[in-house]
Protein backbone atom coordinates (compact mmCIF):
# COMPACT_ATOMS: atom_id res chain seq x y z
CA MET A 1 -86.20 -194.25 85.66
CA LYS A 2 -87.22 -197.81 84.56
CA THR A 3 -87.46 -198.70 80.89
CA PRO A 4 -90.78 -199.87 79.61
CA LYS A 5 -89.35 -203.87 79.52
CA GLN A 6 -88.00 -203.54 83.18
CA TYR A 7 -91.42 -202.27 84.29
CA ALA A 8 -93.01 -204.92 82.17
CA ALA A 9 -90.81 -207.68 83.70
CA LEU A 10 -91.64 -206.14 87.03
CA VAL A 11 -94.87 -206.30 86.98
CA MET A 12 -94.78 -209.81 85.66
CA ALA A 13 -92.53 -211.49 88.24
CA SER A 14 -95.03 -209.36 90.85
CA ALA A 15 -97.74 -210.83 89.38
CA SER A 16 -96.35 -214.49 89.29
CA ILE A 17 -95.32 -214.13 93.30
CA ALA A 18 -98.66 -212.88 94.32
CA ALA A 19 -100.24 -215.86 91.79
CA LEU A 20 -98.16 -218.56 93.74
CA GLY A 21 -98.53 -217.06 97.32
CA LEU A 22 -101.86 -217.02 97.05
CA ALA A 23 -102.06 -220.74 95.22
CA THR A 24 -99.87 -222.49 97.67
CA PRO A 25 -101.67 -222.91 101.06
CA ALA A 26 -99.11 -222.26 104.55
CA MET A 27 -98.57 -225.69 105.80
CA ALA A 28 -98.73 -226.45 109.53
CA ASP A 29 -95.39 -226.52 111.36
CA ALA A 30 -94.21 -230.45 110.73
CA PRO A 31 -95.50 -232.79 113.46
CA THR A 32 -92.65 -233.56 116.04
CA THR A 33 -92.83 -236.98 117.17
CA ASP A 34 -91.77 -238.12 120.78
CA SER A 35 -90.65 -241.00 120.11
CA ALA A 36 -89.60 -242.31 123.68
CA ARG A 37 -93.63 -241.55 124.56
CA GLY A 38 -95.14 -242.61 121.16
CA VAL A 39 -97.07 -239.27 120.72
CA THR A 40 -96.97 -236.80 117.50
CA VAL A 41 -97.84 -233.48 118.50
CA THR A 42 -99.08 -231.55 115.62
CA VAL A 43 -98.68 -227.06 115.50
CA HIS A 44 -100.84 -225.26 113.29
CA HIS A 45 -101.32 -221.01 112.39
CA ARG A 46 -103.72 -219.31 111.19
CA GLY A 47 -104.10 -219.82 107.20
CA ASP A 48 -102.72 -222.83 107.29
CA GLY A 49 -105.79 -224.74 105.91
CA PHE A 50 -106.64 -226.26 108.99
CA GLN A 51 -109.49 -225.02 110.82
CA PRO A 52 -109.16 -225.38 114.74
CA PRO A 53 -111.39 -227.11 117.26
CA ALA A 54 -114.75 -225.32 117.52
CA GLU A 55 -113.75 -224.72 121.42
CA LEU A 56 -110.61 -223.31 120.88
CA GLY A 57 -111.68 -220.33 119.12
CA ASN A 58 -109.89 -218.42 116.25
CA PRO A 59 -106.54 -218.62 117.58
CA SER A 60 -103.36 -217.26 115.44
CA GLU A 61 -101.50 -220.72 116.75
CA TRP A 62 -102.33 -224.05 118.22
CA GLY A 63 -101.24 -226.93 118.70
CA VAL A 64 -102.53 -230.47 119.65
CA VAL A 65 -101.46 -234.29 120.92
CA THR A 66 -103.36 -237.15 121.27
CA PHE A 67 -103.23 -240.11 124.10
CA SER A 68 -105.22 -243.70 123.10
CA MET A 69 -105.10 -246.76 124.30
CA SER A 70 -102.89 -248.97 122.44
CA PRO A 71 -105.34 -252.08 121.15
CA ALA A 72 -102.71 -253.90 120.60
CA THR A 73 -101.27 -253.91 123.85
CA GLY A 74 -103.96 -252.75 125.86
CA SER A 75 -101.64 -250.34 127.35
CA LEU A 76 -102.76 -246.37 128.03
CA GLY A 77 -99.32 -245.43 126.53
CA PRO A 78 -97.77 -242.11 127.44
CA GLN A 79 -97.75 -241.12 131.35
CA ASP A 80 -97.11 -238.35 133.19
CA GLY A 81 -96.51 -236.16 130.41
CA SER A 82 -93.83 -234.01 128.63
CA CYS A 83 -93.19 -230.37 127.64
CA THR A 84 -92.44 -228.18 124.58
CA ASN A 85 -91.60 -224.68 124.03
CA PRO A 86 -94.57 -223.75 120.92
CA SER A 87 -92.68 -221.35 118.03
CA SER A 88 -95.02 -218.52 119.52
CA GLY A 89 -93.67 -218.56 122.88
CA GLY A 90 -93.63 -219.90 126.29
CA THR A 91 -94.21 -223.78 127.81
CA TRP A 92 -97.28 -225.91 127.04
CA CYS A 93 -96.99 -229.06 129.07
CA TYR A 94 -99.44 -232.21 128.37
CA GLY A 95 -99.84 -235.81 129.63
CA THR A 96 -102.16 -238.21 131.02
CA GLN A 97 -101.84 -240.42 134.18
CA THR A 98 -103.72 -243.34 135.38
CA ARG A 99 -105.58 -243.36 138.51
CA GLU A 100 -107.02 -246.08 140.86
CA VAL A 101 -110.49 -245.07 141.80
CA SER A 102 -111.56 -248.14 143.88
CA PRO A 103 -109.47 -251.23 143.99
CA GLY A 104 -108.77 -252.38 140.18
CA VAL A 105 -110.98 -249.64 138.85
CA PHE A 106 -108.70 -247.05 136.97
CA ASN A 107 -109.26 -243.85 135.07
CA LYS A 108 -107.29 -241.75 132.97
CA TYR A 109 -106.56 -238.10 133.88
CA CYS A 110 -105.95 -236.00 130.69
CA TYR A 111 -103.96 -232.58 131.66
CA SER A 112 -102.67 -229.23 129.13
CA ASN A 113 -100.81 -226.53 131.17
CA TYR A 114 -99.54 -223.54 128.96
CA ILE A 115 -97.57 -220.27 130.15
CA HIS A 116 -96.95 -217.65 127.80
CA TRP A 117 -95.44 -214.19 128.67
CA THR A 118 -96.52 -211.66 126.09
CA LYS A 119 -99.86 -213.41 124.72
CA GLY A 120 -103.30 -214.35 126.30
CA HIS A 121 -103.37 -218.09 126.12
CA SER A 122 -105.23 -220.86 126.64
CA SER A 123 -105.22 -224.77 127.66
CA THR A 124 -108.32 -227.07 126.47
CA VAL A 125 -108.58 -230.96 127.14
CA LYS A 126 -111.23 -233.27 125.32
CA ILE A 127 -111.99 -236.66 126.75
CA ALA A 128 -114.76 -238.76 126.66
CA ASN A 129 -118.06 -236.20 125.75
CA SER A 130 -116.20 -233.54 127.89
CA THR A 131 -114.19 -230.87 127.39
CA ARG A 132 -112.77 -228.33 129.49
CA ARG A 133 -110.59 -224.54 128.27
CA ALA A 134 -109.04 -222.58 130.88
CA TRP A 135 -107.77 -219.16 129.49
CA ALA A 136 -105.09 -217.19 130.70
CA ALA A 137 -103.65 -213.39 130.31
CA ALA A 138 -100.01 -213.30 129.14
CA GLY A 139 -97.62 -214.20 132.12
CA GLY A 140 -100.20 -216.24 133.53
CA THR A 141 -100.35 -220.42 133.68
CA SER A 142 -103.74 -222.05 132.13
CA ASN A 143 -104.56 -224.98 133.46
CA ALA A 144 -106.94 -227.73 132.00
CA ASN A 145 -107.77 -231.33 132.98
CA LEU A 146 -110.55 -234.13 132.96
CA THR A 147 -110.95 -237.69 134.00
CA ALA A 148 -112.85 -240.28 132.48
CA GLY A 149 -112.49 -243.96 131.89
CA ILE A 150 -109.56 -245.61 130.92
CA ALA A 151 -110.37 -246.52 127.37
CA TYR A 152 -111.35 -243.25 126.40
CA SER A 153 -108.82 -241.04 124.16
CA CYS A 154 -107.72 -237.72 125.07
CA SER A 155 -107.05 -234.36 122.89
CA ALA A 156 -104.80 -232.22 125.30
CA TYR A 157 -104.56 -228.41 123.12
CA TYR A 158 -102.80 -225.00 123.64
CA SER A 159 -103.74 -221.95 121.96
CA VAL A 160 -102.47 -218.37 121.49
CA ASP A 161 -105.05 -215.62 121.10
């Protein structure tokens, strides 16, 4: 049996831990940078203080990467895409491609594809004023893509229900 002093110390320690836990919000995963491609992937978890875009709903985890035209060089930036393995599982592939739609006229194709073996999940892309979201059940692949003018920024997302 605990003595009153031991009990009081336990109560104080528990209260301190609880207060610190409530006062310190969870943080997003540290952004990872694909330096060869010049993009940053940021992953968030429910309750980390960041709200997901409305079109993602209320996912338990979501990640985002944005592709922009470089104002300094006038170049599109990353092409052909990259893949990563989110902490919740699965494989997420994202990217952009320049596509010639007529002689001398180019568009930007933006895509997000995600496969997760055990959870429902989605891929979303936003470019210009358009958004496309594709959902898939566990074991399936969600594929979202859109095309717009080359100067538009494109954001690719994955989310886990």
